Amino acid sequence: MFNPEVLHYVPVILSGLTYTGLLTIGGVGIGFFLGLLLAFAEVYGPKPLSVLASSIGQIIRGIPLIALFFVIFFGLPEIGINLSPTMSAILGLAIRSAAYQSQIFRSAIESIGIGQWEAALSIGMTRFQAFINVIAPQAIRIAIPSWGNEFTIVLKDTSIAYAIGVTEMFTQAIHVAQVTLDYFTTLAIVALVYFVLTSCVSAVLNKLYTKHRIPGLGGGV
């Protein structure tokens, strides 16, 4: 049943937005660079490196995020590496996101004609320079829609950091529910906040893609 008292705790729930934003940006940002490196290795690396990059991605994508959190937060201290709950969550999100972003970028890279790669090499660029200066800028623009989906997934998955004690928005909501004894209303409010956040992010990234898409490439017209 609806408990009006919960509304007085909305600022408490929203206070967790700082950590939610930090986890999202940290996870997606680090995952972006790691994902690009994995995609480069998988598409352009020698066969052993390509197989290794592909295998790493497959293994990570097969591990539940909460298991990554537990391995990092509870397992690493056994070998002398101690990370705070927040850093553990960021690292877990980044590793998992990198595995998915690598496939997003791999697909985008492979949609770019081989002629551009050959042209870059023919004017003296190294393979890495060709990737950074010619291929990657186009691949990133093509990948914006899929990357936007990954961003919203990471945003929602920050709630799993509750399991290792990060005081992000979902954790704050649980604390409020425990005080008010109204889980339904409290969780409905936090669900609405997640919906608004993901809708805003999707709208911004869709506009960004429309503005910067490449006509005739990657679905642009």
C-alpha atoms as a PDB file:
ATOM      1  CA  MET A   1       0.000   0.000   0.000  1.00  0.00           C
ATOM      2  CA  PHE A   2       1.192   3.530  -0.777  1.00  0.00           C
ATOM      3  CA  ASN A   3       2.911   5.206   2.147  1.00  0.00           C
ATOM      4  CA  PRO A   4       3.107   9.039   1.830  1.00  0.00           C
ATOM      5  CA  GLU A   5       6.070   9.012   4.193  1.00  0.00           C
ATOM      6  CA  VAL A   6       8.211   7.609   1.371  1.00  0.00           C
ATOM      7  CA  LEU A   7       7.932  10.907  -0.529  1.00  0.00           C
ATOM      8  CA  HIS A   8       9.838  12.646   2.253  1.00  0.00           C
ATOM      9  CA  TYR A   9      12.761  10.311   1.546  1.00  0.00           C
ATOM     10  CA  VAL A  10      12.998  11.027  -2.192  1.00  0.00           C
ATOM     11  CA  PRO A  11      16.005  13.368  -1.643  1.00  0.00           C
ATOM     12  CA  VAL A  12      17.737  10.514   0.176  1.00  0.00           C
ATOM     13  CA  ILE A  13      17.150   8.212  -2.789  1.00  0.00           C
ATOM     14  CA  LEU A  14      18.378  10.858  -5.228  1.00  0.00           C
ATOM     15  CA  SER A  15      21.488  11.442  -3.132  1.00  0.00           C
ATOM     16  CA  GLY A  16      22.737   8.156  -4.546  1.00  0.00           C
ATOM     17  CA  LEU A  17      22.777   9.656  -8.053  1.00  0.00           C
ATOM     18  CA  THR A  18      26.340  10.877  -7.500  1.00  0.00           C
ATOM     19  CA  TYR A  19      27.646   7.347  -7.135  1.00  0.00           C
ATOM     20  CA  THR A  20      25.334   6.054  -9.867  1.00  0.00           C
ATOM     21  CA  GLY A  21      26.786   8.628 -12.258  1.00  0.00           C
ATOM     22  CA  LEU A  22      30.357   7.915 -11.145  1.00  0.00           C
ATOM     23  CA  LEU A  23      29.950   4.171 -11.652  1.00  0.00           C
ATOM     24  CA  THR A  24      28.308   4.659 -15.047  1.00  0.00           C
ATOM     25  CA  ILE A  25      30.844   7.107 -16.440  1.00  0.00           C
ATOM     26  CA  GLY A  26      33.790   5.211 -14.984  1.00  0.00           C
ATOM     27  CA  GLY A  27      32.555   1.844 -16.213  1.00  0.00           C
ATOM     28  CA  VAL A  28      31.600   3.000 -19.698  1.00  0.00           C
ATOM     29  CA  GLY A  29      34.633   5.271 -20.084  1.00  0.00           C
ATOM     30  CA  ILE A  30      37.256   2.693 -19.139  1.00  0.00           C
ATOM     31  CA  GLY A  31      35.311   0.042 -21.032  1.00  0.00           C
ATOM     32  CA  PHE A  32      35.367   2.276 -24.118  1.00  0.00           C
ATOM     33  CA  PHE A  33      39.165   2.318 -24.349  1.00  0.00           C
ATOM     34  CA  LEU A  34      39.567  -1.344 -23.415  1.00  0.00           C
ATOM     35  CA  GLY A  35      36.838  -2.281 -25.884  1.00  0.00           C
ATOM     36  CA  LEU A  36      38.547  -0.374 -28.701  1.00  0.00           C
ATOM     37  CA  LEU A  37      41.831  -2.148 -27.962  1.00  0.00           C
ATOM     38  CA  LEU A  38      40.133  -5.540 -27.944  1.00  0.00           C
ATOM     39  CA  ALA A  39      38.340  -4.734 -31.196  1.00  0.00           C
ATOM     40  CA  PHE A  40      41.600  -3.606 -32.826  1.00  0.00           C
ATOM     41  CA  ALA A  41      43.371  -6.767 -31.695  1.00  0.00           C
ATOM     42  CA  GLU A  42      40.519  -8.980 -32.870  1.00  0.00           C
ATOM     43  CA  VAL A  43      40.199  -7.409 -36.326  1.00  0.00           C
ATOM     44  CA  TYR A  44      43.754  -6.361 -37.178  1.00  0.00           C
ATOM     45  CA  GLY A  45      45.989  -8.345 -34.848  1.00  0.00           C
ATOM     46  CA  PRO A  46      47.938 -11.453 -35.840  1.00  0.00           C
ATOM     47  CA  LYS A  47      45.994 -14.683 -35.583  1.00  0.00           C
ATOM     48  CA  PRO A  48      47.103 -15.654 -32.036  1.00  0.00           C
ATOM     49  CA  LEU A  49      46.340 -12.153 -30.690  1.00  0.00           C
ATOM     50  CA  SER A  50      43.006 -12.061 -32.527  1.00  0.00           C
ATOM     51  CA  VAL A  51      41.966 -15.413 -31.067  1.00  0.00           C
ATOM     52  CA  LEU A  52      43.109 -14.312 -27.606  1.00  0.00           C
ATOM     53  CA  ALA A  53      41.126 -11.046 -27.771  1.00  0.00           C
ATOM     54  CA  SER A  54      38.031 -12.872 -28.989  1.00  0.00           C
ATOM     55  CA  SER A  55      38.376 -15.517 -26.273  1.00  0.00           C
ATOM     56  CA  ILE A  56      38.817 -12.920 -23.520  1.00  0.00           C
ATOM     57  CA  GLY A  57      35.623 -11.189 -24.646  1.00  0.00           C
ATOM     58  CA  GLN A  58      33.653 -14.427 -24.778  1.00  0.00           C
ATOM     59  CA  ILE A  59      34.792 -15.484 -21.315  1.00  0.00           C
ATOM     60  CA  ILE A  60      33.970 -12.130 -19.721  1.00  0.00           C
ATOM     61  CA  ARG A  61      30.561 -11.960 -21.401  1.00  0.00           C
ATOM     62  CA  GLY A  62      29.775 -15.344 -19.901  1.00  0.00           C
ATOM     63  CA  ILE A  63      30.463 -14.246 -16.315  1.00  0.00           C
ATOM     64  CA  PRO A  64      27.618 -12.652 -14.292  1.00  0.00           C
ATOM     65  CA  LEU A  65      28.404  -9.087 -13.273  1.00  0.00           C
ATOM     66  CA  ILE A  66      27.828  -9.810  -9.596  1.00  0.00           C
ATOM     67  CA  ALA A  67      30.458 -12.570  -9.812  1.00  0.00           C
ATOM     68  CA  LEU A  68      32.956 -10.057 -11.207  1.00  0.00           C
ATOM     69  CA  PHE A  69      32.160  -7.700  -8.346  1.00  0.00           C
ATOM     70  CA  PHE A  70      32.742 -10.430  -5.777  1.00  0.00           C
ATOM     71  CA  VAL A  71      35.973 -11.638  -7.375  1.00  0.00           C
ATOM     72  CA  ILE A  72      37.366  -8.095  -7.457  1.00  0.00           C
ATOM     73  CA  PHE A  73      36.141  -6.932  -4.042  1.00  0.00           C
ATOM     74  CA  PHE A  74      36.519 -10.145  -2.012  1.00  0.00           C
ATOM     75  CA  GLY A  75      39.022 -12.132  -4.087  1.00  0.00           C
ATOM     76  CA  LEU A  76      41.747  -9.624  -4.955  1.00  0.00           C
ATOM     77  CA  PRO A  77      42.551  -8.827  -1.289  1.00  0.00           C
ATOM     78  CA  GLU A  78      43.728 -12.445  -0.968  1.00  0.00           C
ATOM     79  CA  ILE A  79      46.600 -11.586  -3.319  1.00  0.00           C
ATOM     80  CA  GLY A  80      47.285  -8.238  -1.708  1.00  0.00           C
ATOM     81  CA  ILE A  81      45.132  -5.972  -3.899  1.00  0.00           C
ATOM     82  CA  ASN A  82      42.609  -4.023  -1.848  1.00  0.00           C
ATOM     83  CA  LEU A  83      40.081  -1.833  -3.607  1.00  0.00           C
ATOM     84  CA  SER A  84      37.230   0.204  -2.172  1.00  0.00           C
ATOM     85  CA  PRO A  85      33.660  -0.881  -2.972  1.00  0.00           C
ATOM     86  CA  THR A  86      33.334   2.007  -5.435  1.00  0.00           C
ATOM     87  CA  MET A  87      36.574   1.210  -7.283  1.00  0.00           C
ATOM     88  CA  SER A  88      35.703  -2.493  -7.322  1.00  0.00           C
ATOM     89  CA  ALA A  89      32.323  -1.709  -8.887  1.00  0.00           C
ATOM     90  CA  ILE A  90      33.840   0.624 -11.486  1.00  0.00           C
ATOM     91  CA  LEU A  91      36.435  -1.975 -12.441  1.00  0.00           C
ATOM     92  CA  GLY A  92      33.833  -4.727 -12.672  1.00  0.00           C
ATOM     93  CA  LEU A  93      31.532  -2.616 -14.814  1.00  0.00           C
ATOM     94  CA  ALA A  94      34.464  -1.559 -17.019  1.00  0.00           C
ATOM     95  CA  ILE A  95      35.664  -5.111 -17.614  1.00  0.00           C
ATOM     96  CA  ARG A  96      32.205  -6.394 -18.456  1.00  0.00           C
ATOM     97  CA  SER A  97      31.384  -3.346 -20.604  1.00  0.00           C
ATOM     98  CA  ALA A  98      34.696  -3.638 -22.488  1.00  0.00           C
ATOM     99  CA  ALA A  99      33.758  -7.170 -23.556  1.00  0.00           C
ATOM    100  CA  TYR A 100      30.485  -5.934 -25.049  1.00  0.00           C
ATOM    101  CA  GLN A 101      31.864  -2.694 -26.460  1.00  0.00           C
ATOM    102  CA  SER A 102      34.584  -4.651 -28.265  1.00  0.00           C
ATOM    103  CA  GLN A 103      31.894  -6.429 -30.273  1.00  0.00           C
ATOM    104  CA  ILE A 104      30.083  -3.175 -30.971  1.00  0.00           C
ATOM    105  CA  PHE A 105      33.288  -1.636 -32.321  1.00  0.00           C
ATOM    106  CA  ARG A 106      34.347  -4.800 -34.135  1.00  0.00           C
ATOM    107  CA  SER A 107      31.101  -4.794 -36.077  1.00  0.00           C
ATOM    108  CA  ALA A 108      31.450  -1.079 -36.858  1.00  0.00           C
ATOM    109  CA  ILE A 109      35.072  -1.493 -37.970  1.00  0.00           C
ATOM    110  CA  GLU A 110      34.203  -4.351 -40.292  1.00  0.00           C
ATOM    111  CA  SER A 111      31.499  -2.210 -41.930  1.00  0.00           C
ATOM    112  CA  ILE A 112      34.169   0.227 -43.189  1.00  0.00           C
ATOM    113  CA  GLY A 113      35.577  -0.566 -46.610  1.00  0.00           C
ATOM    114  CA  ILE A 114      39.013  -2.207 -46.703  1.00  0.00           C
ATOM    115  CA  GLY A 115      40.053   0.422 -49.248  1.00  0.00           C
ATOM    116  CA  GLN A 116      40.303   3.077 -46.552  1.00  0.00           C
ATOM    117  CA  TRP A 117      42.603   0.867 -44.507  1.00  0.00           C
ATOM    118  CA  GLU A 118      44.794   0.162 -47.538  1.00  0.00           C
ATOM    119  CA  ALA A 119      44.899   3.851 -48.475  1.00  0.00           C
ATOM    120  CA  ALA A 120      46.057   4.820 -44.982  1.00  0.00           C
ATOM    121  CA  LEU A 121      48.831   2.233 -45.075  1.00  0.00           C
ATOM    122  CA  SER A 122      49.870   3.305 -48.563  1.00  0.00           C
ATOM    123  CA  ILE A 123      50.684   6.852 -47.404  1.00  0.00           C
ATOM    124  CA  GLY A 124      53.019   5.584 -44.714  1.00  0.00           C
ATOM    125  CA  MET A 125      50.793   5.216 -41.664  1.00  0.00           C
ATOM    126  CA  THR A 126      51.447   2.355 -39.285  1.00  0.00           C
ATOM    127  CA  ARG A 127      48.599  -0.061 -38.607  1.00  0.00           C
ATOM    128  CA  PHE A 128      47.919   1.621 -35.266  1.00  0.00           C
ATOM    129  CA  GLN A 129      48.028   5.144 -36.782  1.00  0.00           C
ATOM    130  CA  ALA A 130      45.630   4.064 -39.513  1.00  0.00           C
ATOM    131  CA  PHE A 131      43.260   2.689 -36.919  1.00  0.00           C
ATOM    132  CA  ILE A 132      43.375   5.760 -34.662  1.00  0.00           C
ATOM    133  CA  ASN A 133      43.218   8.418 -37.391  1.00  0.00           C
ATOM    134  CA  VAL A 134      41.093   6.827 -40.112  1.00  0.00           C
ATOM    135  CA  ILE A 135      39.135   3.785 -38.980  1.00  0.00           C
ATOM    136  CA  ALA A 136      38.272   4.499 -35.331  1.00  0.00           C
ATOM    137  CA  PRO A 137      36.644   7.952 -35.881  1.00  0.00           C
ATOM    138  CA  GLN A 138      34.271   6.444 -38.445  1.00  0.00           C
ATOM    139  CA  ALA A 139      33.639   3.282 -36.436  1.00  0.00           C
ATOM    140  CA  ILE A 140      32.731   5.283 -33.342  1.00  0.00           C
ATOM    141  CA  ARG A 141      30.184   7.342 -35.281  1.00  0.00           C
ATOM    142  CA  ILE A 142      28.645   4.202 -36.755  1.00  0.00           C
ATOM    143  CA  ALA A 143      28.551   2.536 -33.339  1.00  0.00           C
ATOM    144  CA  ILE A 144      26.698   5.333 -31.510  1.00  0.00           C
ATOM    145  CA  PRO A 145      23.239   3.633 -31.484  1.00  0.00           C
ATOM    146  CA  SER A 146      24.589   0.321 -30.163  1.00  0.00           C
ATOM    147  CA  TRP A 147      26.973   2.114 -27.821  1.00  0.00           C
ATOM    148  CA  GLY A 148      24.016   4.085 -26.462  1.00  0.00           C
ATOM    149  CA  ASN A 149      22.289   0.820 -25.592  1.00  0.00           C
ATOM    150  CA  GLU A 150      25.407  -0.322 -23.765  1.00  0.00           C
ATOM    151  CA  PHE A 151      25.537   2.978 -21.854  1.00  0.00           C
ATOM    152  CA  THR A 152      21.984   2.529 -20.585  1.00  0.00           C
ATOM    153  CA  ILE A 153      22.691  -1.099 -19.668  1.00  0.00           C
ATOM    154  CA  VAL A 154      25.678  -0.055 -17.566  1.00  0.00           C
ATOM    155  CA  LEU A 155      23.599   2.710 -15.988  1.00  0.00           C
ATOM    156  CA  LYS A 156      20.995   0.192 -14.859  1.00  0.00           C
ATOM    157  CA  ASP A 157      23.600  -2.375 -13.831  1.00  0.00           C
ATOM    158  CA  THR A 158      25.106   0.064 -11.336  1.00  0.00           C
ATOM    159  CA  SER A 159      22.288  -1.089  -9.064  1.00  0.00           C
ATOM    160  CA  ILE A 160      24.076  -4.433  -8.661  1.00  0.00           C
ATOM    161  CA  ALA A 161      26.838  -2.583  -6.778  1.00  0.00           C
ATOM    162  CA  TYR A 162      24.389  -2.761  -3.864  1.00  0.00           C
ATOM    163  CA  ALA A 163      25.793  -6.251  -3.299  1.00  0.00           C
ATOM    164  CA  ILE A 164      29.217  -4.907  -2.275  1.00  0.00           C
ATOM    165  CA  GLY A 165      27.979  -1.908  -0.314  1.00  0.00           C
ATOM    166  CA  VAL A 166      28.265   1.012  -2.748  1.00  0.00           C
ATOM    167  CA  THR A 167      25.778   3.704  -1.710  1.00  0.00           C
ATOM    168  CA  GLU A 168      24.405   4.355  -5.177  1.00  0.00           C
ATOM    169  CA  MET A 169      20.762   5.144  -5.870  1.00  0.00           C
ATOM    170  CA  PHE A 170      19.358   1.615  -5.589  1.00  0.00           C
ATOM    171  CA  THR A 171      21.186   1.047  -2.296  1.00  0.00           C
ATOM    172  CA  GLN A 172      19.725   4.255  -0.913  1.00  0.00           C
ATOM    173  CA  ALA A 173      16.276   3.136  -2.042  1.00  0.00           C
ATOM    174  CA  ILE A 174      16.664  -0.154  -0.183  1.00  0.00           C
ATOM    175  CA  HIS A 175      17.687   1.724   2.954  1.00  0.00           C
ATOM    176  CA  VAL A 176      14.581   3.913   2.653  1.00  0.00           C
ATOM    177  CA  ALA A 177      12.379   0.865   2.121  1.00  0.00           C
ATOM    178  CA  GLN A 178      13.797  -0.734   5.249  1.00  0.00           C
ATOM    179  CA  VAL A 179      12.963   2.395   7.269  1.00  0.00           C
ATOM    180  CA  THR A 180       9.478   3.003   5.851  1.00  0.00           C
ATOM    181  CA  LEU A 181       8.605  -0.687   5.394  1.00  0.00           C
ATOM    182  CA  ASP A 182       7.174   0.235   1.977  1.00  0.00           C
ATOM    183  CA  TYR A 183       9.218  -1.581  -0.648  1.00  0.00           C
ATOM    184  CA  PHE A 184       6.638  -1.206  -3.415  1.00  0.00           C
ATOM    185  CA  THR A 185       6.447   2.593  -3.429  1.00  0.00           C
ATOM    186  CA  THR A 186      10.164   3.065  -2.824  1.00  0.00           C
ATOM    187  CA  LEU A 187      11.231   0.717  -5.602  1.00  0.00           C
ATOM    188  CA  ALA A 188       8.593   2.168  -7.931  1.00  0.00           C
ATOM    189  CA  ILE A 189      10.134   5.610  -7.400  1.00  0.00           C
ATOM    190  CA  VAL A 190      13.686   4.422  -8.062  1.00  0.00           C
ATOM    191  CA  ALA A 191      12.493   2.481 -11.126  1.00  0.00           C
ATOM    192  CA  LEU A 192      10.918   5.676 -12.460  1.00  0.00           C
ATOM    193  CA  VAL A 193      14.176   7.564 -11.932  1.00  0.00           C
ATOM    194  CA  TYR A 194      16.107   4.898 -13.866  1.00  0.00           C
ATOM    195  CA  PHE A 195      13.527   5.099 -16.652  1.00  0.00           C
ATOM    196  CA  VAL A 196      13.852   8.887 -16.898  1.00  0.00           C
ATOM    197  CA  LEU A 197      17.655   8.701 -16.895  1.00  0.00           C
ATOM    198  CA  THR A 198      17.869   6.025 -19.578  1.00  0.00           C
ATOM    199  CA  SER A 199      15.270   7.800 -21.722  1.00  0.00           C
ATOM    200  CA  CYS A 200      17.223  11.075 -21.546  1.00  0.00           C
ATOM    201  CA  VAL A 201      20.513   9.360 -22.395  1.00  0.00           C
ATOM    202  CA  SER A 202      18.925   7.555 -25.342  1.00  0.00           C
ATOM    203  CA  ALA A 203      17.387  10.782 -26.657  1.00  0.00           C
ATOM    204  CA  VAL A 204      20.706  12.661 -26.447  1.00  0.00           C
ATOM    205  CA  LEU A 205      22.672   9.892 -28.147  1.00  0.00           C
ATOM    206  CA  ASN A 206      20.049   9.512 -30.894  1.00  0.00           C
ATOM    207  CA  LYS A 207      20.360  13.214 -31.660  1.00  0.00           C
ATOM    208  CA  LEU A 208      24.145  12.902 -31.615  1.00  0.00           C
ATOM    209  CA  TYR A 209      23.986  10.000 -34.072  1.00  0.00           C
ATOM    210  CA  THR A 210      21.593  11.867 -36.369  1.00  0.00           C
ATOM    211  CA  LYS A 211      23.948  14.849 -36.404  1.00  0.00           C
ATOM    212  CA  HIS A 212      27.182  12.936 -36.956  1.00  0.00           C
ATOM    213  CA  ARG A 213      26.150   9.824 -38.878  1.00  0.00           C
ATOM    214  CA  ILE A 214      27.982   9.094 -42.117  1.00  0.00           C
ATOM    215  CA  PRO A 215      25.569   9.170 -45.114  1.00  0.00           C
ATOM    216  CA  GLY A 216      25.593   5.852 -46.919  1.00  0.00           C
ATOM    217  CA  LEU A 217      27.658   4.112 -44.246  1.00  0.00           C
ATOM    218  CA  GLY A 218      26.480   2.209 -41.211  1.00  0.00           C
ATOM    219  CA  GLY A 219      22.813   2.727 -41.976  1.00  0.00           C
ATOM    220  CA  GLY A 220      22.951   6.478 -42.621  1.00  0.00           C
ATOM    221  CA  VAL A 221      20.983   7.942 -45.557  1.00  0.00           C
END
